Amino acid sequence: LDQLRQHLFILLHQDAVMHLMRVAAGLDSLVLGEGQILAQV
């Protein structure tokens, strides 16, 4: 866990809600706006 923590992000409440919205919209993707992630969500 002490090695893994540096790679993890933790978001709470409204930040978690907004993050999922951004992921579903492709705004957090490697290729901005890619469509495959919505099907994965």
Full PDB file with SEQRES, HELIX, SHEET, SSBOND, CRYST1, ORIGX, SCALE, CONECT and MASTER records, all heavy atoms in Angstrom:
SEQRES   1 A   41  LEU ASP GLN LEU ARG GLN HIS LEU PHE ILE LEU LEU HIS          
SEQRES   2 A   41  GLN ASP ALA VAL MET HIS LEU MET ARG VAL ALA ALA GLY          
SEQRES   3 A   41  LEU ASP SER LEU VAL LEU GLY GLU GLY GLN ILE LEU ALA          
SEQRES   4 A   41  GLN VAL                                                      
HELIX    1 AA1 ARG A    5  HIS A    7  5                                   3    
HELIX    2 AA2 HIS A   13  ALA A   24  1                                  12    
HELIX    3 AA3 GLN A   36  GLN A   40  1                                   5    
CRYST1    1.000    1.000    1.000  90.00  90.00  90.00 P 1           1          
ORIGX1      1.000000  0.000000  0.000000        0.00000                         
ORIGX2      0.000000  1.000000  0.000000        0.00000                         
ORIGX3      0.000000  0.000000  1.000000        0.00000                         
SCALE1      1.000000  0.000000  0.000000        0.00000                         
SCALE2      0.000000  1.000000  0.000000        0.00000                         
SCALE3      0.000000  0.000000  1.000000        0.00000                         
ATOM      1  N   LEU A   1       0.810  -1.212   0.000  1.00  0.00           N  
ATOM      2  CA  LEU A   1       0.000   0.000   0.000  1.00  0.00           C  
ATOM      3  C   LEU A   1       0.849   1.271   0.000  1.00  0.00           C  
ATOM      4  O   LEU A   1       0.494   2.257  -0.657  1.00  0.00           O  
ATOM      5  CB  LEU A   1      -0.946  -0.002   1.215  1.00  0.00           C  
ATOM      6  CG  LEU A   1      -2.056   1.051   1.217  1.00  0.00           C  
ATOM      7  CD1 LEU A   1      -2.869   1.003  -0.065  1.00  0.00           C  
ATOM      8  CD2 LEU A   1      -2.960   0.861   2.435  1.00  0.00           C  
ATOM      9  N   ASP A   2       1.977   1.246   0.688  1.00  0.00           N  
ATOM     10  CA  ASP A   2       2.812   2.451   0.725  1.00  0.00           C  
ATOM     11  C   ASP A   2       3.405   2.771  -0.653  1.00  0.00           C  
ATOM     12  O   ASP A   2       3.714   3.924  -0.962  1.00  0.00           O  
ATOM     13  CB  ASP A   2       3.920   2.321   1.777  1.00  0.00           C  
ATOM     14  CG  ASP A   2       4.842   1.138   1.520  1.00  0.00           C  
ATOM     15  OD1 ASP A   2       4.438   0.222   0.774  1.00  0.00           O  
ATOM     16  OD2 ASP A   2       5.963   1.119   2.057  1.00  0.00           O  
ATOM     17  N   GLN A   3       3.552   1.747  -1.520  1.00  0.00           N  
ATOM     18  CA  GLN A   3       4.020   1.973  -2.893  1.00  0.00           C  
ATOM     19  C   GLN A   3       2.863   2.331  -3.824  1.00  0.00           C  
ATOM     20  O   GLN A   3       3.011   3.109  -4.767  1.00  0.00           O  
ATOM     21  CB  GLN A   3       4.726   0.731  -3.433  1.00  0.00           C  
ATOM     22  CG  GLN A   3       6.011   0.374  -2.695  1.00  0.00           C  
ATOM     23  CD  GLN A   3       6.630  -0.912  -3.229  1.00  0.00           C  
ATOM     24  OE1 GLN A   3       6.416  -1.287  -4.390  1.00  0.00           O  
ATOM     25  NE2 GLN A   3       7.396  -1.599  -2.392  1.00  0.00           N  
ATOM     26  N   LEU A   4       1.695   1.751  -3.544  1.00  0.00           N  
ATOM     27  CA  LEU A   4       0.528   1.958  -4.403  1.00  0.00           C  
ATOM     28  C   LEU A   4      -0.072   3.352  -4.242  1.00  0.00           C  
ATOM     29  O   LEU A   4      -0.565   3.942  -5.205  1.00  0.00           O  
ATOM     30  CB  LEU A   4      -0.524   0.890  -4.095  1.00  0.00           C  
ATOM     31  CG  LEU A   4      -1.780   0.866  -4.957  1.00  0.00           C  
ATOM     32  CD1 LEU A   4      -1.431   0.670  -6.427  1.00  0.00           C  
ATOM     33  CD2 LEU A   4      -2.729  -0.235  -4.481  1.00  0.00           C  
ATOM     34  N   ARG A   5       0.000   3.890  -3.032  1.00  0.00           N  
ATOM     35  CA  ARG A   5      -0.659   5.173  -2.732  1.00  0.00           C  
ATOM     36  C   ARG A   5      -0.244   6.292  -3.681  1.00  0.00           C  
ATOM     37  O   ARG A   5      -1.056   7.152  -4.039  1.00  0.00           O  
ATOM     38  CB  ARG A   5      -0.352   5.602  -1.292  1.00  0.00           C  
ATOM     39  CG  ARG A   5      -1.260   4.974  -0.262  1.00  0.00           C  
ATOM     40  CD  ARG A   5      -1.212   5.739   1.057  1.00  0.00           C  
ATOM     41  NE  ARG A   5      -1.942   5.027   2.078  1.00  0.00           N  
ATOM     42  CZ  ARG A   5      -1.394   4.236   2.991  1.00  0.00           C  
ATOM     43  NH1 ARG A   5      -0.067   4.079   3.000  1.00  0.00           N  
ATOM     44  NH2 ARG A   5      -2.116   3.619   3.890  1.00  0.00           N  
ATOM     45  N   GLN A   6       1.009   6.307  -4.102  1.00  0.00           N  
ATOM     46  CA  GLN A   6       1.488   7.394  -4.965  1.00  0.00           C  
ATOM     47  C   GLN A   6       0.787   7.410  -6.318  1.00  0.00           C  
ATOM     48  O   GLN A   6       0.788   8.441  -7.018  1.00  0.00           O  
ATOM     49  CB  GLN A   6       3.000   7.268  -5.175  1.00  0.00           C  
ATOM     50  CG  GLN A   6       3.403   5.990  -5.906  1.00  0.00           C  
ATOM     51  CD  GLN A   6       4.898   5.856  -6.092  1.00  0.00           C  
ATOM     52  OE1 GLN A   6       5.543   6.798  -6.546  1.00  0.00           O  
ATOM     53  NE2 GLN A   6       5.459   4.721  -5.705  1.00  0.00           N  
ATOM     54  N   HIS A   7       0.196   6.280  -6.703  1.00  0.00           N  
ATOM     55  CA  HIS A   7      -0.477   6.181  -7.995  1.00  0.00           C  
ATOM     56  C   HIS A   7      -1.994   6.363  -7.888  1.00  0.00           C  
ATOM     57  O   HIS A   7      -2.671   6.508  -8.911  1.00  0.00           O  
ATOM     58  CB  HIS A   7      -0.190   4.824  -8.641  1.00  0.00           C  
ATOM     59  CG  HIS A   7       1.263   4.562  -8.888  1.00  0.00           C  
ATOM     60  ND1 HIS A   7       2.011   5.315  -9.775  1.00  0.00           N  
ATOM     61  CD2 HIS A   7       2.112   3.646  -8.345  1.00  0.00           C  
ATOM     62  CE1 HIS A   7       3.256   4.867  -9.779  1.00  0.00           C  
ATOM     63  NE2 HIS A   7       3.341   3.855  -8.929  1.00  0.00           N  
ATOM     64  N   LEU A   8      -2.539   6.312  -6.686  1.00  0.00           N  
ATOM     65  CA  LEU A   8      -3.990   6.358  -6.501  1.00  0.00           C  
ATOM     66  C   LEU A   8      -4.495   7.792  -6.402  1.00  0.00           C  
ATOM     67  O   LEU A   8      -3.813   8.670  -5.890  1.00  0.00           O  
ATOM     68  CB  LEU A   8      -4.399   5.607  -5.234  1.00  0.00           C  
ATOM     69  CG  LEU A   8      -4.145   4.103  -5.192  1.00  0.00           C  
ATOM     70  CD1 LEU A   8      -4.575   3.548  -3.849  1.00  0.00           C  
ATOM     71  CD2 LEU A   8      -4.871   3.389  -6.327  1.00  0.00           C  
ATOM     72  N   PHE A   9      -5.697   8.018  -6.878  1.00  0.00           N  
ATOM     73  CA  PHE A   9      -6.401   9.267  -6.584  1.00  0.00           C  
ATOM     74  C   PHE A   9      -7.679   8.923  -5.818  1.00  0.00           C  
ATOM     75  O   PHE A   9      -8.262   7.849  -6.000  1.00  0.00           O  
ATOM     76  CB  PHE A   9      -6.719  10.065  -7.854  1.00  0.00           C  
ATOM     77  CG  PHE A   9      -7.662   9.379  -8.815  1.00  0.00           C  
ATOM     78  CD1 PHE A   9      -9.035   9.435  -8.641  1.00  0.00           C  
ATOM     79  CD2 PHE A   9      -7.163   8.688  -9.913  1.00  0.00           C  
ATOM     80  CE1 PHE A   9      -9.903   8.815  -9.524  1.00  0.00           C  
ATOM     81  CE2 PHE A   9      -8.018   8.054 -10.816  1.00  0.00           C  
ATOM     82  CZ  PHE A   9      -9.399   8.129 -10.614  1.00  0.00           C  
ATOM     83  N   ILE A  10      -8.082   9.816  -4.935  1.00  0.00           N  
ATOM     84  CA  ILE A  10      -9.287   9.636  -4.114  1.00  0.00           C  
ATOM     85  C   ILE A  10     -10.125  10.896  -4.248  1.00  0.00           C  
ATOM     86  O   ILE A  10      -9.643  12.006  -4.004  1.00  0.00           O  
ATOM     87  CB  ILE A  10      -8.929   9.397  -2.635  1.00  0.00           C  
ATOM     88  CG1 ILE A  10      -8.081   8.118  -2.489  1.00  0.00           C  
ATOM     89  CG2 ILE A  10     -10.196   9.297  -1.786  1.00  0.00           C  
ATOM     90  CD1 ILE A  10      -7.503   7.934  -1.101  1.00  0.00           C  
ATOM     91  N   LEU A  11     -11.371  10.729  -4.672  1.00  0.00           N  
ATOM     92  CA  LEU A  11     -12.282  11.861  -4.809  1.00  0.00           C  
ATOM     93  C   LEU A  11     -13.555  11.585  -4.017  1.00  0.00           C  
ATOM     94  O   LEU A  11     -14.064  10.455  -4.021  1.00  0.00           O  
ATOM     95  CB  LEU A  11     -12.627  12.091  -6.286  1.00  0.00           C  
ATOM     96  CG  LEU A  11     -11.453  12.438  -7.213  1.00  0.00           C  
ATOM     97  CD1 LEU A  11     -11.897  12.436  -8.666  1.00  0.00           C  
ATOM     98  CD2 LEU A  11     -10.869  13.792  -6.844  1.00  0.00           C  
ATOM     99  N   LEU A  12     -14.052  12.614  -3.355  1.00  0.00           N  
ATOM    100  CA  LEU A  12     -15.217  12.457  -2.475  1.00  0.00           C  
ATOM    101  C   LEU A  12     -16.386  13.315  -2.943  1.00  0.00           C  
ATOM    102  O   LEU A  12     -16.204  14.385  -3.526  1.00  0.00           O  
ATOM    103  CB  LEU A  12     -14.857  12.869  -1.045  1.00  0.00           C  
ATOM    104  CG  LEU A  12     -13.597  12.254  -0.430  1.00  0.00           C  
ATOM    105  CD1 LEU A  12     -13.375  12.805   0.972  1.00  0.00           C  
ATOM    106  CD2 LEU A  12     -13.694  10.737  -0.405  1.00  0.00           C  
ATOM    107  N   HIS A  13     -17.584  12.813  -2.666  1.00  0.00           N  
ATOM    108  CA  HIS A  13     -18.820  13.574  -2.807  1.00  0.00           C  
ATOM    109  C   HIS A  13     -18.938  14.220  -4.199  1.00  0.00           C  
ATOM    110  O   HIS A  13     -18.904  13.544  -5.201  1.00  0.00           O  
ATOM    111  CB  HIS A  13     -18.926  14.631  -1.701  1.00  0.00           C  
ATOM    112  CG  HIS A  13     -18.549  14.122  -0.339  1.00  0.00           C  
ATOM    113  ND1 HIS A  13     -19.042  12.942   0.184  1.00  0.00           N  
ATOM    114  CD2 HIS A  13     -17.720  14.626   0.607  1.00  0.00           C  
ATOM    115  CE1 HIS A  13     -18.525  12.743   1.392  1.00  0.00           C  
ATOM    116  NE2 HIS A  13     -17.725  13.762   1.663  1.00  0.00           N  
ATOM    117  N   GLN A  14     -19.055  15.564  -4.247  1.00  0.00           N  
ATOM    118  CA  GLN A  14     -19.271  16.255  -5.522  1.00  0.00           C  
ATOM    119  C   GLN A  14     -18.107  16.062  -6.491  1.00  0.00           C  
ATOM    120  O   GLN A  14     -18.310  16.003  -7.709  1.00  0.00           O  
ATOM    121  CB  GLN A  14     -19.486  17.751  -5.273  1.00  0.00           C  
ATOM    122  CG  GLN A  14     -20.832  18.060  -4.614  1.00  0.00           C  
ATOM    123  CD  GLN A  14     -20.959  19.518  -4.246  1.00  0.00           C  
ATOM    124  OE1 GLN A  14     -20.031  20.109  -3.703  1.00  0.00           O  
ATOM    125  NE2 GLN A  14     -22.104  20.102  -4.527  1.00  0.00           N  
ATOM    126  N   ASP A  15     -16.884  15.958  -5.975  1.00  0.00           N  
ATOM    127  CA  ASP A  15     -15.724  15.730  -6.847  1.00  0.00           C  
ATOM    128  C   ASP A  15     -15.811  14.365  -7.530  1.00  0.00           C  
ATOM    129  O   ASP A  15     -15.454  14.216  -8.703  1.00  0.00           O  
ATOM    130  CB  ASP A  15     -14.424  15.826  -6.053  1.00  0.00           C  
ATOM    131  CG  ASP A  15     -14.139  17.249  -5.582  1.00  0.00           C  
ATOM    132  OD1 ASP A  15     -14.652  18.189  -6.212  1.00  0.00           O  
ATOM    133  OD2 ASP A  15     -13.424  17.415  -4.583  1.00  0.00           O  
ATOM    134  N   ALA A  16     -16.282  13.363  -6.798  1.00  0.00           N  
ATOM    135  CA  ALA A  16     -16.456  12.020  -7.374  1.00  0.00           C  
ATOM    136  C   ALA A  16     -17.547  12.033  -8.437  1.00  0.00           C  
ATOM    137  O   ALA A  16     -17.416  11.401  -9.495  1.00  0.00           O  
ATOM    138  CB  ALA A  16     -16.791  11.013  -6.274  1.00  0.00           C  
ATOM    139  N   VAL A  17     -18.627  12.763  -8.156  1.00  0.00           N  
ATOM    140  CA  VAL A  17     -19.738  12.866  -9.103  1.00  0.00           C  
ATOM    141  C   VAL A  17     -19.261  13.526 -10.405  1.00  0.00           C  
ATOM    142  O   VAL A  17     -19.490  13.019 -11.499  1.00  0.00           O  
ATOM    143  CB  VAL A  17     -20.900  13.668  -8.484  1.00  0.00           C  
ATOM    144  CG1 VAL A  17     -21.975  13.967  -9.535  1.00  0.00           C  
ATOM    145  CG2 VAL A  17     -21.501  12.891  -7.318  1.00  0.00           C  
ATOM    146  N   MET A  18     -18.584  14.666 -10.288  1.00  0.00           N  
ATOM    147  CA  MET A  18     -18.100  15.376 -11.480  1.00  0.00           C  
ATOM    148  C   MET A  18     -17.082  14.530 -12.248  1.00  0.00           C  
ATOM    149  O   MET A  18     -17.056  14.538 -13.481  1.00  0.00           O  
ATOM    150  CB  MET A  18     -17.494  16.722 -11.086  1.00  0.00           C  
ATOM    151  CG  MET A  18     -16.855  17.482 -12.253  1.00  0.00           C  
ATOM    152  SD  MET A  18     -17.956  17.718 -13.685  1.00  0.00           S  
ATOM    153  CE  MET A  18     -18.622  19.348 -13.318  1.00  0.00           C  
ATOM    154  N   HIS A  19     -16.236  13.792 -11.527  1.00  0.00           N  
ATOM    155  CA  HIS A  19     -15.228  12.976 -12.205  1.00  0.00           C  
ATOM    156  C   HIS A  19     -15.886  11.940 -13.109  1.00  0.00           C  
ATOM    157  O   HIS A  19     -15.471  11.779 -14.269  1.00  0.00           O  
ATOM    158  CB  HIS A  19     -14.336  12.276 -11.175  1.00  0.00           C  
ATOM    159  CG  HIS A  19     -13.295  11.398 -11.801  1.00  0.00           C  
ATOM    160  ND1 HIS A  19     -12.177  11.895 -12.451  1.00  0.00           N  
ATOM    161  CD2 HIS A  19     -13.209  10.041 -11.914  1.00  0.00           C  
ATOM    162  CE1 HIS A  19     -11.457  10.894 -12.928  1.00  0.00           C  
ATOM    163  NE2 HIS A  19     -12.070   9.756 -12.620  1.00  0.00           N  
ATOM    164  N   LEU A  20     -16.904  11.243 -12.618  1.00  0.00           N  
ATOM    165  CA  LEU A  20     -17.566  10.236 -13.448  1.00  0.00           C  
ATOM    166  C   LEU A  20     -18.226  10.896 -14.656  1.00  0.00           C  
ATOM    167  O   LEU A  20     -18.206  10.332 -15.761  1.00  0.00           O  
ATOM    168  CB  LEU A  20     -18.602   9.460 -12.640  1.00  0.00           C  
ATOM    169  CG  LEU A  20     -19.337   8.356 -13.413  1.00  0.00           C  
ATOM    170  CD1 LEU A  20     -18.359   7.341 -14.008  1.00  0.00           C  
ATOM    171  CD2 LEU A  20     -20.370   7.655 -12.527  1.00  0.00           C  
ATOM    172  N   MET A  21     -18.801  12.067 -14.465  1.00  0.00           N  
ATOM    173  CA  MET A  21     -19.398  12.790 -15.599  1.00  0.00           C  
ATOM    174  C   MET A  21     -18.331  13.076 -16.661  1.00  0.00           C  
ATOM    175  O   MET A  21     -18.547  12.894 -17.869  1.00  0.00           O  
ATOM    176  CB  MET A  21     -20.000  14.119 -15.128  1.00  0.00           C  
ATOM    177  CG  MET A  21     -21.065  14.003 -14.070  1.00  0.00           C  
ATOM    178  SD  MET A  21     -22.661  13.523 -14.718  1.00  0.00           S  
ATOM    179  CE  MET A  21     -23.634  13.518 -13.210  1.00  0.00           C  
ATOM    180  N   ARG A  22     -17.149  13.537 -16.237  1.00  0.00           N  
ATOM    181  CA  ARG A  22     -16.069  13.880 -17.166  1.00  0.00           C  
ATOM    182  C   ARG A  22     -15.545  12.621 -17.867  1.00  0.00           C  
ATOM    183  O   ARG A  22     -15.229  12.651 -19.056  1.00  0.00           O  
ATOM    184  CB  ARG A  22     -14.926  14.589 -16.445  1.00  0.00           C  
ATOM    185  CG  ARG A  22     -15.323  15.936 -15.855  1.00  0.00           C  
ATOM    186  CD  ARG A  22     -14.134  16.705 -15.304  1.00  0.00           C  
ATOM    187  NE  ARG A  22     -13.426  17.393 -16.392  1.00  0.00           N  
ATOM    188  CZ  ARG A  22     -12.282  17.022 -16.902  1.00  0.00           C  
ATOM    189  NH1 ARG A  22     -11.664  15.935 -16.449  1.00  0.00           N  
ATOM    190  NH2 ARG A  22     -11.711  17.695 -17.874  1.00  0.00           N  
ATOM    191  N   VAL A  23     -15.457  11.526 -17.122  1.00  0.00           N  
ATOM    192  CA  VAL A  23     -15.003  10.266 -17.719  1.00  0.00           C  
ATOM    193  C   VAL A  23     -15.981   9.823 -18.799  1.00  0.00           C  
ATOM    194  O   VAL A  23     -15.583   9.487 -19.924  1.00  0.00           O  
ATOM    195  CB  VAL A  23     -14.858   9.168 -16.633  1.00  0.00           C  
ATOM    196  CG1 VAL A  23     -14.681   7.792 -17.280  1.00  0.00           C  
ATOM    197  CG2 VAL A  23     -13.667   9.468 -15.732  1.00  0.00           C  
ATOM    198  N   ALA A  24     -17.272   9.830 -18.491  1.00  0.00           N  
ATOM    199  CA  ALA A  24     -18.286   9.383 -19.449  1.00  0.00           C  
ATOM    200  C   ALA A  24     -18.303  10.253 -20.698  1.00  0.00           C  
ATOM    201  O   ALA A  24     -18.602   9.782 -21.796  1.00  0.00           O  
ATOM    202  CB  ALA A  24     -19.663   9.387 -18.786  1.00  0.00           C  
ATOM    203  N   ALA A  25     -17.946  11.532 -20.536  1.00  0.00           N  
ATOM    204  CA  ALA A  25     -17.938  12.460 -21.671  1.00  0.00           C  
ATOM    205  C   ALA A  25     -16.653  12.393 -22.487  1.00  0.00           C  
ATOM    206  O   ALA A  25     -16.527  13.053 -23.514  1.00  0.00           O  
ATOM    207  CB  ALA A  25     -18.151  13.892 -21.168  1.00  0.00           C  
ATOM    208  N   GLY A  26     -15.666  11.609 -22.027  1.00  0.00           N  
ATOM    209  CA  GLY A  26     -14.394  11.506 -22.748  1.00  0.00           C  
ATOM    210  C   GLY A  26     -13.434  12.643 -22.454  1.00  0.00           C  
ATOM    211  O   GLY A  26     -12.407  12.789 -23.118  1.00  0.00           O  
ATOM    212  N   LEU A  27     -13.727  13.445 -21.418  1.00  0.00           N  
ATOM    213  CA  LEU A  27     -12.861  14.586 -21.110  1.00  0.00           C  
ATOM    214  C   LEU A  27     -11.664  14.195 -20.251  1.00  0.00           C  
ATOM    215  O   LEU A  27     -10.761  15.006 -20.053  1.00  0.00           O  
ATOM    216  CB  LEU A  27     -13.663  15.685 -20.385  1.00  0.00           C  
ATOM    217  CG  LEU A  27     -14.869  16.254 -21.135  1.00  0.00           C  
ATOM    218  CD1 LEU A  27     -15.406  17.482 -20.418  1.00  0.00           C  
ATOM    219  CD2 LEU A  27     -14.514  16.605 -22.571  1.00  0.00           C  
ATOM    220  N   ASP A  28     -11.650  12.970 -19.739  1.00  0.00           N  
ATOM    221  CA  ASP A  28     -10.520  12.510 -18.936  1.00  0.00           C  
ATOM    222  C   ASP A  28      -9.701  11.465 -19.689  1.00  0.00           C  
ATOM    223  O   ASP A  28      -8.806  10.849 -19.139  1.00  0.00           O  
ATOM    224  CB  ASP A  28     -11.030  11.925 -17.605  1.00  0.00           C  
ATOM    225  CG  ASP A  28      -9.925  11.772 -16.566  1.00  0.00           C  
ATOM    226  OD1 ASP A  28      -9.361  12.800 -16.147  1.00  0.00           O  
ATOM    227  OD2 ASP A  28      -9.608  10.622 -16.186  1.00  0.00           O  
ATOM    228  N   SER A  29     -10.019  11.261 -20.965  1.00  0.00           N  
ATOM    229  CA  SER A  29      -9.389  10.205 -21.756  1.00  0.00           C  
ATOM    230  C   SER A  29      -8.028  10.634 -22.299  1.00  0.00           C  
ATOM    231  O   SER A  29      -7.728  11.825 -22.402  1.00  0.00           O  
ATOM    232  CB  SER A  29     -10.289   9.807 -22.929  1.00  0.00           C  
ATOM    233  OG  SER A  29     -11.495   9.250 -22.466  1.00  0.00           O  
ATOM    234  N   LEU A  30      -7.231   9.629 -22.662  1.00  0.00           N  
ATOM    235  CA  LEU A  30      -5.928   9.881 -23.282  1.00  0.00           C  
ATOM    236  C   LEU A  30      -6.113  10.672 -24.575  1.00  0.00           C  
ATOM    237  O   LEU A  30      -5.389  11.620 -24.858  1.00  0.00           O  
ATOM    238  CB  LEU A  30      -5.231   8.541 -23.554  1.00  0.00           C  
ATOM    239  CG  LEU A  30      -3.798   8.590 -24.062  1.00  0.00           C  
ATOM    240  CD1 LEU A  30      -2.895   9.259 -23.050  1.00  0.00           C  
ATOM    241  CD2 LEU A  30      -3.298   7.180 -24.356  1.00  0.00           C  
ATOM    242  N   VAL A  31      -7.116  10.276 -25.361  1.00  0.00           N  
ATOM    243  CA  VAL A  31      -7.512  11.022 -26.550  1.00  0.00           C  
ATOM    244  C   VAL A  31      -8.777  11.797 -26.190  1.00  0.00           C  
ATOM    245  O   VAL A  31      -9.828  11.206 -25.976  1.00  0.00           O  
ATOM    246  CB  VAL A  31      -7.782  10.093 -27.751  1.00  0.00           C  
ATOM    247  CG1 VAL A  31      -8.299  10.887 -28.938  1.00  0.00           C  
ATOM    248  CG2 VAL A  31      -6.526   9.326 -28.122  1.00  0.00           C  
ATOM    249  N   LEU A  32      -8.664  13.106 -26.093  1.00  0.00           N  
ATOM    250  CA  LEU A  32      -9.759  13.948 -25.633  1.00  0.00           C  
ATOM    251  C   LEU A  32     -10.998  13.748 -26.490  1.00  0.00           C  
ATOM    252  O   LEU A  32     -10.960  13.880 -27.706  1.00  0.00           O  
ATOM    253  CB  LEU A  32      -9.325  15.416 -25.676  1.00  0.00           C  
ATOM    254  CG  LEU A  32     -10.272  16.446 -25.077  1.00  0.00           C  
ATOM    255  CD1 LEU A  32     -10.428  16.217 -23.580  1.00  0.00           C  
ATOM    256  CD2 LEU A  32      -9.759  17.854 -25.338  1.00  0.00           C  
ATOM    257  N   GLY A  33     -12.107  13.387 -25.834  1.00  0.00           N  
ATOM    258  CA  GLY A  33     -13.372  13.242 -26.540  1.00  0.00           C  
ATOM    259  C   GLY A  33     -13.605  11.887 -27.182  1.00  0.00           C  
ATOM    260  O   GLY A  33     -14.588  11.710 -27.905  1.00  0.00           O  
ATOM    261  N   GLU A  34     -12.725  10.915 -26.936  1.00  0.00           N  
ATOM    262  CA  GLU A  34     -12.923   9.593 -27.569  1.00  0.00           C  
ATOM    263  C   GLU A  34     -14.236   8.973 -27.087  1.00  0.00           C  
ATOM    264  O   GLU A  34     -14.660   9.176 -25.959  1.00  0.00           O  
ATOM    265  CB  GLU A  34     -11.714   8.687 -27.294  1.00  0.00           C  
ATOM    266  CG  GLU A  34     -11.454   8.375 -25.831  1.00  0.00           C  
ATOM    267  CD  GLU A  34     -12.074   7.067 -25.367  1.00  0.00           C  
ATOM    268  OE1 GLU A  34     -12.659   6.358 -26.188  1.00  0.00           O  
ATOM    269  OE2 GLU A  34     -11.969   6.785 -24.164  1.00  0.00           O  
ATOM    270  N   GLY A  35     -14.871   8.207 -27.969  1.00  0.00           N  
ATOM    271  CA  GLY A  35     -16.218   7.721 -27.689  1.00  0.00           C  
ATOM    272  C   GLY A  35     -16.321   6.379 -27.007  1.00  0.00           C  
ATOM    273  O   GLY A  35     -17.362   6.047 -26.444  1.00  0.00           O  
ATOM    274  N   GLN A  36     -15.256   5.582 -27.021  1.00  0.00           N  
ATOM    275  CA  GLN A  36     -15.334   4.219 -26.494  1.00  0.00           C  
ATOM    276  C   GLN A  36     -15.637   4.190 -25.008  1.00  0.00           C  
ATOM    277  O   GLN A  36     -16.320   3.291 -24.519  1.00  0.00           O  
ATOM    278  CB  GLN A  36     -14.017   3.486 -26.774  1.00  0.00           C  
ATOM    279  CG  GLN A  36     -14.066   2.005 -26.408  1.00  0.00           C  
ATOM    280  CD  GLN A  36     -12.744   1.299 -26.676  1.00  0.00           C  
ATOM    281  OE1 GLN A  36     -11.760   1.938 -27.033  1.00  0.00           O  
ATOM    282  NE2 GLN A  36     -12.708   0.005 -26.509  1.00  0.00           N  
ATOM    283  N   ILE A  37     -15.179   5.184 -24.265  1.00  0.00           N  
ATOM    284  CA  ILE A  37     -15.321   5.165 -22.810  1.00  0.00           C  
ATOM    285  C   ILE A  37     -16.785   5.201 -22.376  1.00  0.00           C  
ATOM    286  O   ILE A  37     -17.148   4.615 -21.348  1.00  0.00           O  
ATOM    287  CB  ILE A  37     -14.530   6.341 -22.169  1.00  0.00           C  
ATOM    288  CG1 ILE A  37     -14.499   6.201 -20.638  1.00  0.00           C  
ATOM    289  CG2 ILE A  37     -15.095   7.672 -22.588  1.00  0.00           C  
ATOM    290  CD1 ILE A  37     -13.757   5.006 -20.128  1.00  0.00           C  
ATOM    291  N   LEU A  38     -17.662   5.848 -23.142  1.00  0.00           N  
ATOM    292  CA  LEU A  38     -19.074   5.894 -22.760  1.00  0.00           C  
ATOM    293  C   LEU A  38     -19.676   4.492 -22.750  1.00  0.00           C  
ATOM    294  O   LEU A  38     -20.425   4.136 -21.835  1.00  0.00           O  
ATOM    295  CB  LEU A  38     -19.862   6.807 -23.698  1.00  0.00           C  
ATOM    296  CG  LEU A  38     -21.358   6.950 -23.374  1.00  0.00           C  
ATOM    297  CD1 LEU A  38     -21.581   7.484 -21.967  1.00  0.00           C  
ATOM    298  CD2 LEU A  38     -22.044   7.864 -24.396  1.00  0.00           C  
ATOM    299  N   ALA A  39     -19.330   3.686 -23.748  1.00  0.00           N  
ATOM    300  CA  ALA A  39     -19.806   2.300 -23.777  1.00  0.00           C  
ATOM    301  C   ALA A  39     -19.263   1.526 -22.582  1.00  0.00           C  
ATOM    302  O   ALA A  39     -19.950   0.662 -22.015  1.00  0.00           O  
ATOM    303  CB  ALA A  39     -19.381   1.623 -25.083  1.00  0.00           C  
ATOM    304  N   GLN A  40     -18.028   1.827 -22.173  1.00  0.00           N  
ATOM    305  CA  GLN A  40     -17.436   1.149 -21.015  1.00  0.00           C  
ATOM    306  C   GLN A  40     -18.120   1.561 -19.712  1.00  0.00           C  
ATOM    307  O   GLN A  40     -18.297   0.743 -18.806  1.00  0.00           O  
ATOM    308  CB  GLN A  40     -15.930   1.445 -20.978  1.00  0.00           C  
ATOM    309  CG  GLN A  40     -15.177   0.804 -22.137  1.00  0.00           C  
ATOM    310  CD  GLN A  40     -13.768   1.356 -22.324  1.00  0.00           C  
ATOM    311  OE1 GLN A  40     -13.495   2.522 -22.011  1.00  0.00           O  
ATOM    312  NE2 GLN A  40     -12.866   0.541 -22.859  1.00  0.00           N  
ATOM    313  N   VAL A  41     -18.522   2.824 -19.610  1.00  0.00           N  
ATOM    314  CA  VAL A  41     -19.276   3.280 -18.432  1.00  0.00           C  
ATOM    315  C   VAL A  41     -20.646   2.591 -18.393  1.00  0.00           C  
ATOM    316  O   VAL A  41     -21.102   2.150 -17.330  1.00  0.00           O  
ATOM    317  CB  VAL A  41     -19.438   4.815 -18.445  1.00  0.00           C  
ATOM    318  CG1 VAL A  41     -20.413   5.279 -17.362  1.00  0.00           C  
ATOM    319  CG2 VAL A  41     -18.082   5.496 -18.239  1.00  0.00           C  
TER     320      VAL A  41                                                      
MASTER        0    0    0    3    0    0    0    6  319    1    0    4          
END                                                                             
